[in-house]
Amino acid sequence: MSKPAGAPVIDAPALITVFGIPNCDQVRKARAWLQAADHQYRFHDFRVDGLQAELLGNWLRHVPWDSLLNRRGSTWRRLPESRRLAVTDQLSAAELMLLEPTLVKRPVLQQGQKTLVGFSEPLYRAFFGPQVGEPRS
């Protein structure tokens, strides 16, 4: 089916995927913000869906490894000190994140080729633009 001549072209926004674990406070905040802003998204639970090497590699092309590796969480603290000290570069960090996906800082939001790590309202507002009812700056 073709569109009528002169019809406006409307690009549908790329699907939003939120990666994380459901009981993480930052993931809950991000999901609540997206719902309040009427953004449709898919949730990828690291514990259920895992983490694929190709996906992690894509993120690491856009985000520094030390920003993606969560060194504040309980998974990191439970690692033996020798294992934590062995993480010195992107390769060693990626290997560990693939073994323990909950070591990825959460949430990771992906829309098309754009990737955000972590949650803050100002970060999401800047990423998505003003929401309905908000003044444009």
N, C-alpha and C. Protein backbone atom coordinates (compact mmCIF):
# COMPACT_ATOMS: atom_id res chain seq x y z
N MET A 1 0.84 -1.17 0.00
CA MET A 1 0.00 0.00 0.00
C MET A 1 0.88 1.23 0.00
N SER A 2 0.66 2.15 -0.92
CA SER A 2 1.47 3.35 -0.98
C SER A 2 0.74 4.50 -0.32
N LYS A 3 1.52 5.50 0.12
CA LYS A 3 0.89 6.65 0.76
C LYS A 3 0.43 7.63 -0.30
N PRO A 4 -0.62 8.38 -0.02
CA PRO A 4 -1.11 9.36 -0.98
C PRO A 4 -0.05 10.43 -1.25
N ALA A 5 -0.04 10.93 -2.48
CA ALA A 5 0.89 11.99 -2.84
C ALA A 5 0.67 13.19 -1.92
N GLY A 6 1.74 13.76 -1.44
CA GLY A 6 1.66 14.93 -0.59
C GLY A 6 1.39 14.62 0.87
N ALA A 7 1.22 13.35 1.23
CA ALA A 7 0.99 12.99 2.63
C ALA A 7 2.28 13.22 3.41
N PRO A 8 2.16 13.74 4.62
CA PRO A 8 3.38 13.98 5.41
C PRO A 8 4.04 12.66 5.78
N VAL A 9 5.35 12.70 5.84
CA VAL A 9 6.12 11.54 6.25
C VAL A 9 6.35 11.67 7.75
N ILE A 10 5.92 10.69 8.49
CA ILE A 10 6.09 10.71 9.94
C ILE A 10 6.97 9.52 10.31
N ASP A 11 8.11 9.84 10.88
CA ASP A 11 9.01 8.78 11.33
C ASP A 11 8.56 8.31 12.70
N ALA A 12 8.25 7.05 12.80
CA ALA A 12 7.89 6.48 14.11
C ALA A 12 9.16 6.39 14.94
N PRO A 13 9.08 6.74 16.22
CA PRO A 13 10.27 6.63 17.06
C PRO A 13 10.69 5.17 17.20
N ALA A 14 11.98 4.98 17.34
CA ALA A 14 12.51 3.62 17.51
C ALA A 14 12.02 3.06 18.85
N LEU A 15 11.88 1.75 18.90
CA LEU A 15 11.46 1.08 20.11
C LEU A 15 12.44 1.37 21.24
N ILE A 16 11.90 1.62 22.42
CA ILE A 16 12.70 1.85 23.62
C ILE A 16 12.81 0.52 24.36
N THR A 17 14.01 0.17 24.75
CA THR A 17 14.21 -1.00 25.60
C THR A 17 14.94 -0.55 26.85
N VAL A 18 14.41 -0.98 28.00
CA VAL A 18 15.04 -0.72 29.29
C VAL A 18 15.63 -2.03 29.77
N PHE A 19 16.91 -2.02 30.06
CA PHE A 19 17.62 -3.21 30.53
C PHE A 19 17.93 -3.05 32.01
N GLY A 20 17.73 -4.10 32.77
CA GLY A 20 18.04 -4.04 34.19
C GLY A 20 17.44 -5.22 34.92
N ILE A 21 17.17 -5.00 36.21
CA ILE A 21 16.48 -5.98 37.03
C ILE A 21 15.33 -5.26 37.71
N PRO A 22 14.20 -5.94 37.86
CA PRO A 22 12.99 -5.25 38.31
C PRO A 22 13.05 -4.70 39.72
N ASN A 23 13.87 -5.26 40.60
CA ASN A 23 13.90 -4.77 41.97
C ASN A 23 14.93 -3.66 42.20
N CYS A 24 15.59 -3.19 41.17
CA CYS A 24 16.56 -2.09 41.28
C CYS A 24 15.80 -0.75 41.36
N ASP A 25 16.11 0.05 42.36
CA ASP A 25 15.42 1.34 42.54
C ASP A 25 15.53 2.24 41.32
N GLN A 26 16.71 2.31 40.72
CA GLN A 26 16.89 3.19 39.56
C GLN A 26 16.10 2.70 38.36
N VAL A 27 16.00 1.39 38.20
CA VAL A 27 15.20 0.81 37.12
C VAL A 27 13.73 1.15 37.35
N ARG A 28 13.27 1.00 38.59
CA ARG A 28 11.88 1.33 38.91
C ARG A 28 11.58 2.80 38.62
N LYS A 29 12.50 3.68 38.98
CA LYS A 29 12.31 5.12 38.71
C LYS A 29 12.25 5.39 37.21
N ALA A 30 13.14 4.77 36.46
CA ALA A 30 13.16 4.97 35.01
C ALA A 30 11.86 4.48 34.38
N ARG A 31 11.41 3.32 34.79
CA ARG A 31 10.17 2.76 34.24
C ARG A 31 8.97 3.63 34.60
N ALA A 32 8.93 4.11 35.82
CA ALA A 32 7.83 4.99 36.24
C ALA A 32 7.86 6.28 35.43
N TRP A 33 9.05 6.84 35.19
CA TRP A 33 9.17 8.08 34.41
C TRP A 33 8.66 7.84 32.99
N LEU A 34 9.09 6.76 32.38
CA LEU A 34 8.65 6.45 31.02
C LEU A 34 7.14 6.27 30.95
N GLN A 35 6.57 5.59 31.92
CA GLN A 35 5.12 5.38 31.94
C GLN A 35 4.39 6.70 32.12
N ALA A 36 4.87 7.55 33.03
CA ALA A 36 4.23 8.84 33.27
C ALA A 36 4.31 9.73 32.03
N ALA A 37 5.37 9.57 31.25
CA ALA A 37 5.55 10.36 30.02
C ALA A 37 4.92 9.69 28.80
N ASP A 38 4.19 8.60 29.02
CA ASP A 38 3.50 7.88 27.95
C ASP A 38 4.44 7.33 26.87
N HIS A 39 5.63 6.93 27.29
CA HIS A 39 6.55 6.28 26.36
C HIS A 39 6.36 4.77 26.47
N GLN A 40 6.12 4.12 25.35
CA GLN A 40 6.04 2.67 25.31
C GLN A 40 7.46 2.11 25.33
N TYR A 41 7.67 1.06 26.08
CA TYR A 41 9.00 0.45 26.14
C TYR A 41 8.87 -1.03 26.40
N ARG A 42 9.96 -1.71 26.13
CA ARG A 42 10.09 -3.14 26.42
C ARG A 42 11.08 -3.26 27.57
N PHE A 43 10.84 -4.16 28.51
CA PHE A 43 11.76 -4.38 29.62
C PHE A 43 12.53 -5.67 29.41
N HIS A 44 13.84 -5.60 29.52
CA HIS A 44 14.74 -6.75 29.39
C HIS A 44 15.34 -7.01 30.77
N ASP A 45 14.94 -8.09 31.39
CA ASP A 45 15.41 -8.45 32.73
C ASP A 45 16.70 -9.27 32.59
N PHE A 46 17.80 -8.73 33.10
CA PHE A 46 19.08 -9.43 32.98
C PHE A 46 19.03 -10.83 33.59
N ARG A 47 18.29 -10.99 34.66
CA ARG A 47 18.26 -12.30 35.33
C ARG A 47 17.46 -13.33 34.53
N VAL A 48 16.48 -12.87 33.77
CA VAL A 48 15.65 -13.79 32.99
C VAL A 48 16.17 -13.91 31.56
N ASP A 49 16.48 -12.76 30.95
CA ASP A 49 16.84 -12.72 29.54
C ASP A 49 18.34 -12.77 29.28
N GLY A 50 19.15 -12.59 30.32
CA GLY A 50 20.60 -12.63 30.16
C GLY A 50 21.16 -11.40 29.46
N LEU A 51 22.40 -11.50 29.05
CA LEU A 51 23.10 -10.43 28.35
C LEU A 51 23.92 -11.06 27.24
N GLN A 52 23.67 -10.64 26.02
CA GLN A 52 24.38 -11.20 24.87
C GLN A 52 25.64 -10.37 24.58
N ALA A 53 26.67 -11.06 24.13
CA ALA A 53 27.96 -10.42 23.85
C ALA A 53 27.81 -9.32 22.79
N GLU A 54 26.99 -9.56 21.78
CA GLU A 54 26.81 -8.58 20.72
C GLU A 54 26.19 -7.28 21.26
N LEU A 55 25.22 -7.42 22.14
CA LEU A 55 24.57 -6.25 22.74
C LEU A 55 25.55 -5.48 23.61
N LEU A 56 26.29 -6.19 24.46
CA LEU A 56 27.28 -5.54 25.31
C LEU A 56 28.34 -4.85 24.46
N GLY A 57 28.78 -5.50 23.41
CA GLY A 57 29.77 -4.89 22.51
C GLY A 57 29.26 -3.61 21.88
N ASN A 58 27.98 -3.60 21.51
CA ASN A 58 27.38 -2.39 20.95
C ASN A 58 27.38 -1.26 21.98
N TRP A 59 26.99 -1.56 23.21
CA TRP A 59 27.00 -0.54 24.26
C TRP A 59 28.40 0.00 24.47
N LEU A 60 29.38 -0.90 24.46
CA LEU A 60 30.75 -0.47 24.73
C LEU A 60 31.33 0.37 23.60
N ARG A 61 30.70 0.36 22.44
CA ARG A 61 31.12 1.28 21.37
C ARG A 61 30.61 2.69 21.63
N HIS A 62 29.61 2.82 22.50
CA HIS A 62 28.99 4.12 22.76
C HIS A 62 29.23 4.63 24.18
N VAL A 63 29.58 3.74 25.09
CA VAL A 63 29.71 4.09 26.51
C VAL A 63 31.05 3.56 27.03
N PRO A 64 31.81 4.37 27.77
CA PRO A 64 33.06 3.86 28.34
C PRO A 64 32.79 2.68 29.29
N TRP A 65 33.66 1.69 29.27
CA TRP A 65 33.45 0.49 30.07
C TRP A 65 33.34 0.80 31.55
N ASP A 66 34.12 1.78 32.03
CA ASP A 66 34.09 2.07 33.46
C ASP A 66 32.82 2.83 33.86
N SER A 67 32.07 3.35 32.89
CA SER A 67 30.75 3.93 33.18
C SER A 67 29.67 2.85 33.17
N LEU A 68 29.91 1.78 32.45
CA LEU A 68 28.92 0.71 32.32
C LEU A 68 29.04 -0.33 33.45
N LEU A 69 30.23 -0.46 34.01
CA LEU A 69 30.47 -1.43 35.07
C LEU A 69 30.03 -0.85 36.41
N ASN A 70 29.12 -1.55 37.08
CA ASN A 70 28.60 -1.09 38.37
C ASN A 70 29.48 -1.62 39.49
N ARG A 71 30.29 -0.74 40.04
CA ARG A 71 31.19 -1.12 41.13
C ARG A 71 30.61 -0.79 42.50
N ARG A 72 29.34 -0.36 42.53
CA ARG A 72 28.73 0.02 43.80
C ARG A 72 27.75 -1.03 44.32
N GLY A 73 27.36 -1.97 43.49
CA GLY A 73 26.33 -2.92 43.86
C GLY A 73 26.83 -4.12 44.65
N SER A 74 25.87 -4.89 45.14
CA SER A 74 26.20 -6.06 45.96
C SER A 74 26.92 -7.14 45.15
N THR A 75 26.62 -7.26 43.86
CA THR A 75 27.30 -8.28 43.04
C THR A 75 28.79 -8.00 43.01
N TRP A 76 29.17 -6.75 42.83
CA TRP A 76 30.58 -6.36 42.80
C TRP A 76 31.22 -6.62 44.17
N ARG A 77 30.54 -6.23 45.24
CA ARG A 77 31.10 -6.38 46.59
C ARG A 77 31.29 -7.85 46.95
N ARG A 78 30.45 -8.73 46.40
CA ARG A 78 30.57 -10.17 46.70
C ARG A 78 31.71 -10.85 45.94
N LEU A 79 32.21 -10.21 44.92
CA LEU A 79 33.31 -10.82 44.16
C LEU A 79 34.57 -10.88 45.02
N PRO A 80 35.38 -11.92 44.84
CA PRO A 80 36.67 -11.94 45.55
C PRO A 80 37.51 -10.74 45.12
N GLU A 81 38.28 -10.23 46.04
CA GLU A 81 39.10 -9.06 45.75
C GLU A 81 40.01 -9.30 44.54
N SER A 82 40.53 -10.49 44.41
CA SER A 82 41.42 -10.78 43.28
C SER A 82 40.68 -10.63 41.96
N ARG A 83 39.40 -10.99 41.92
CA ARG A 83 38.60 -10.87 40.69
C ARG A 83 38.32 -9.40 40.39
N ARG A 84 38.03 -8.62 41.44
CA ARG A 84 37.79 -7.18 41.24
C ARG A 84 39.06 -6.49 40.73
N LEU A 85 40.19 -6.85 41.29
CA LEU A 85 41.46 -6.23 40.88
C LEU A 85 41.86 -6.62 39.47
N ALA A 86 41.34 -7.73 38.98
CA ALA A 86 41.67 -8.19 37.63
C ALA A 86 40.94 -7.39 36.54
N VAL A 87 39.96 -6.58 36.93
CA VAL A 87 39.22 -5.77 35.95
C VAL A 87 40.01 -4.47 35.75
N THR A 88 40.74 -4.44 34.64
CA THR A 88 41.63 -3.31 34.39
C THR A 88 41.40 -2.63 33.05
N ASP A 89 40.55 -3.23 32.20
CA ASP A 89 40.34 -2.66 30.88
C ASP A 89 38.98 -3.13 30.35
N GLN A 90 38.65 -2.68 29.14
CA GLN A 90 37.35 -3.01 28.55
C GLN A 90 37.15 -4.51 28.39
N LEU A 91 38.18 -5.21 27.95
CA LEU A 91 38.05 -6.65 27.72
C LEU A 91 37.75 -7.40 29.02
N SER A 92 38.51 -7.11 30.07
CA SER A 92 38.28 -7.82 31.35
C SER A 92 36.94 -7.43 31.96
N ALA A 93 36.53 -6.18 31.79
CA ALA A 93 35.22 -5.74 32.30
C ALA A 93 34.10 -6.42 31.53
N ALA A 94 34.22 -6.51 30.21
CA ALA A 94 33.19 -7.14 29.38
C ALA A 94 33.06 -8.62 29.71
N GLU A 95 34.18 -9.30 29.88
CA GLU A 95 34.13 -10.72 30.23
C GLU A 95 33.36 -10.92 31.54
N LEU A 96 33.62 -10.07 32.52
CA LEU A 96 32.96 -10.20 33.81
C LEU A 96 31.47 -9.84 33.71
N MET A 97 31.12 -8.79 32.95
CA MET A 97 29.72 -8.41 32.81
C MET A 97 28.92 -9.50 32.09
N LEU A 98 29.55 -10.20 31.16
CA LEU A 98 28.86 -11.30 30.47
C LEU A 98 28.62 -12.48 31.43
N LEU A 99 29.55 -12.70 32.34
CA LEU A 99 29.37 -13.77 33.33
C LEU A 99 28.35 -13.37 34.40
N GLU A 100 28.34 -12.10 34.76
CA GLU A 100 27.47 -11.56 35.81
C GLU A 100 26.76 -10.31 35.29
N PRO A 101 25.68 -10.47 34.53
CA PRO A 101 25.01 -9.31 33.93
C PRO A 101 24.53 -8.26 34.92
N THR A 102 24.33 -8.64 36.18
CA THR A 102 23.90 -7.63 37.16
C THR A 102 25.04 -6.69 37.54
N LEU A 103 26.22 -6.89 36.98
CA LEU A 103 27.32 -5.94 37.16
C LEU A 103 27.19 -4.75 36.21
N VAL A 104 26.25 -4.80 35.28
CA VAL A 104 26.01 -3.67 34.39
C VAL A 104 25.26 -2.60 35.18
N LYS A 105 25.75 -1.37 35.12
CA LYS A 105 25.06 -0.27 35.80
C LYS A 105 23.66 -0.16 35.21
N ARG A 106 22.69 0.08 36.08
CA ARG A 106 21.30 0.08 35.65
C ARG A 106 20.62 1.41 35.92
N PRO A 107 19.59 1.65 35.14
CA PRO A 107 19.17 0.94 33.93
C PRO A 107 20.02 1.35 32.73
N VAL A 108 20.01 0.51 31.71
CA VAL A 108 20.51 0.90 30.40
C VAL A 108 19.27 1.08 29.54
N LEU A 109 19.16 2.23 28.92
CA LEU A 109 18.04 2.51 28.03
C LEU A 109 18.59 2.60 26.62
N GLN A 110 17.95 1.90 25.72
CA GLN A 110 18.39 1.93 24.32
C GLN A 110 17.20 2.27 23.44
N GLN A 111 17.43 3.23 22.56
CA GLN A 111 16.44 3.59 21.55
C GLN A 111 17.20 3.77 20.25
N GLY A 112 16.99 2.83 19.32
CA GLY A 112 17.75 2.86 18.08
C GLY A 112 19.22 2.70 18.40
N GLN A 113 20.03 3.63 17.92
CA GLN A 113 21.47 3.57 18.17
C GLN A 113 21.89 4.40 19.38
N LYS A 114 20.93 4.99 20.07
CA LYS A 114 21.23 5.81 21.25
C LYS A 114 21.15 4.98 22.51
N THR A 115 22.10 5.20 23.41
CA THR A 115 22.17 4.44 24.65
C THR A 115 22.39 5.39 25.83
N LEU A 116 21.60 5.20 26.88
CA LEU A 116 21.78 5.94 28.14
C LEU A 116 22.06 4.94 29.25
N VAL A 117 22.93 5.33 30.18
CA VAL A 117 23.23 4.48 31.32
C VAL A 117 22.88 5.24 32.59
N GLY A 118 22.12 4.60 33.47
CA GLY A 118 21.69 5.24 34.71
C GLY A 118 20.39 5.99 34.50
N PHE A 119 19.86 6.53 35.59
CA PHE A 119 18.63 7.30 35.50
C PHE A 119 18.74 8.58 36.30
N SER A 120 18.30 9.66 35.68
CA SER A 120 18.00 10.91 36.38
C SER A 120 16.95 11.61 35.52
N GLU A 121 16.03 12.31 36.17
CA GLU A 121 15.00 13.01 35.40
C GLU A 121 15.60 14.00 34.41
N PRO A 122 16.59 14.82 34.80
CA PRO A 122 17.17 15.74 33.81
C PRO A 122 17.77 15.02 32.60
N LEU A 123 18.41 13.89 32.84
CA LEU A 123 19.01 13.12 31.75
C LEU A 123 17.93 12.61 30.79
N TYR A 124 16.85 12.08 31.34
CA TYR A 124 15.76 11.57 30.50
C TYR A 124 15.04 12.71 29.78
N ARG A 125 14.83 13.83 30.46
CA ARG A 125 14.19 14.97 29.79
C ARG A 125 15.04 15.46 28.63
N ALA A 126 16.35 15.51 28.83
CA ALA A 126 17.25 15.95 27.75
C ALA A 126 17.22 14.95 26.59
N PHE A 127 17.15 13.67 26.91
CA PHE A 127 17.16 12.63 25.89
C PHE A 127 15.87 12.63 25.07
N PHE A 128 14.72 12.73 25.77
CA PHE A 128 13.42 12.63 25.10
C PHE A 128 12.82 13.98 24.72
N GLY A 129 13.36 15.07 25.23
CA GLY A 129 12.77 16.39 24.97
C GLY A 129 11.63 16.67 25.93
N PRO A 130 11.08 17.87 25.86
CA PRO A 130 10.00 18.24 26.78
C PRO A 130 8.81 17.30 26.64
N GLN A 131 8.20 17.00 27.75
CA GLN A 131 7.04 16.13 27.78
C GLN A 131 5.77 16.97 27.63
N VAL A 132 4.67 16.31 27.37
CA VAL A 132 3.40 16.99 27.22
C VAL A 132 3.15 17.83 28.47
N GLY A 133 2.81 19.10 28.26
CA GLY A 133 2.52 20.00 29.37
C GLY A 133 3.73 20.73 29.91
N GLU A 134 4.96 20.33 29.50
CA GLU A 134 6.15 21.03 29.95
C GLU A 134 6.50 22.12 28.96
N PRO A 135 6.93 23.28 29.45
CA PRO A 135 7.34 24.34 28.53
C PRO A 135 8.64 23.96 27.84
N ARG A 136 8.77 24.36 26.60
CA ARG A 136 10.02 24.15 25.86
C ARG A 136 10.98 25.26 26.23
N SER A 137 12.23 24.91 26.49
CA SER A 137 13.21 25.94 26.86
C SER A 137 13.87 26.55 25.66
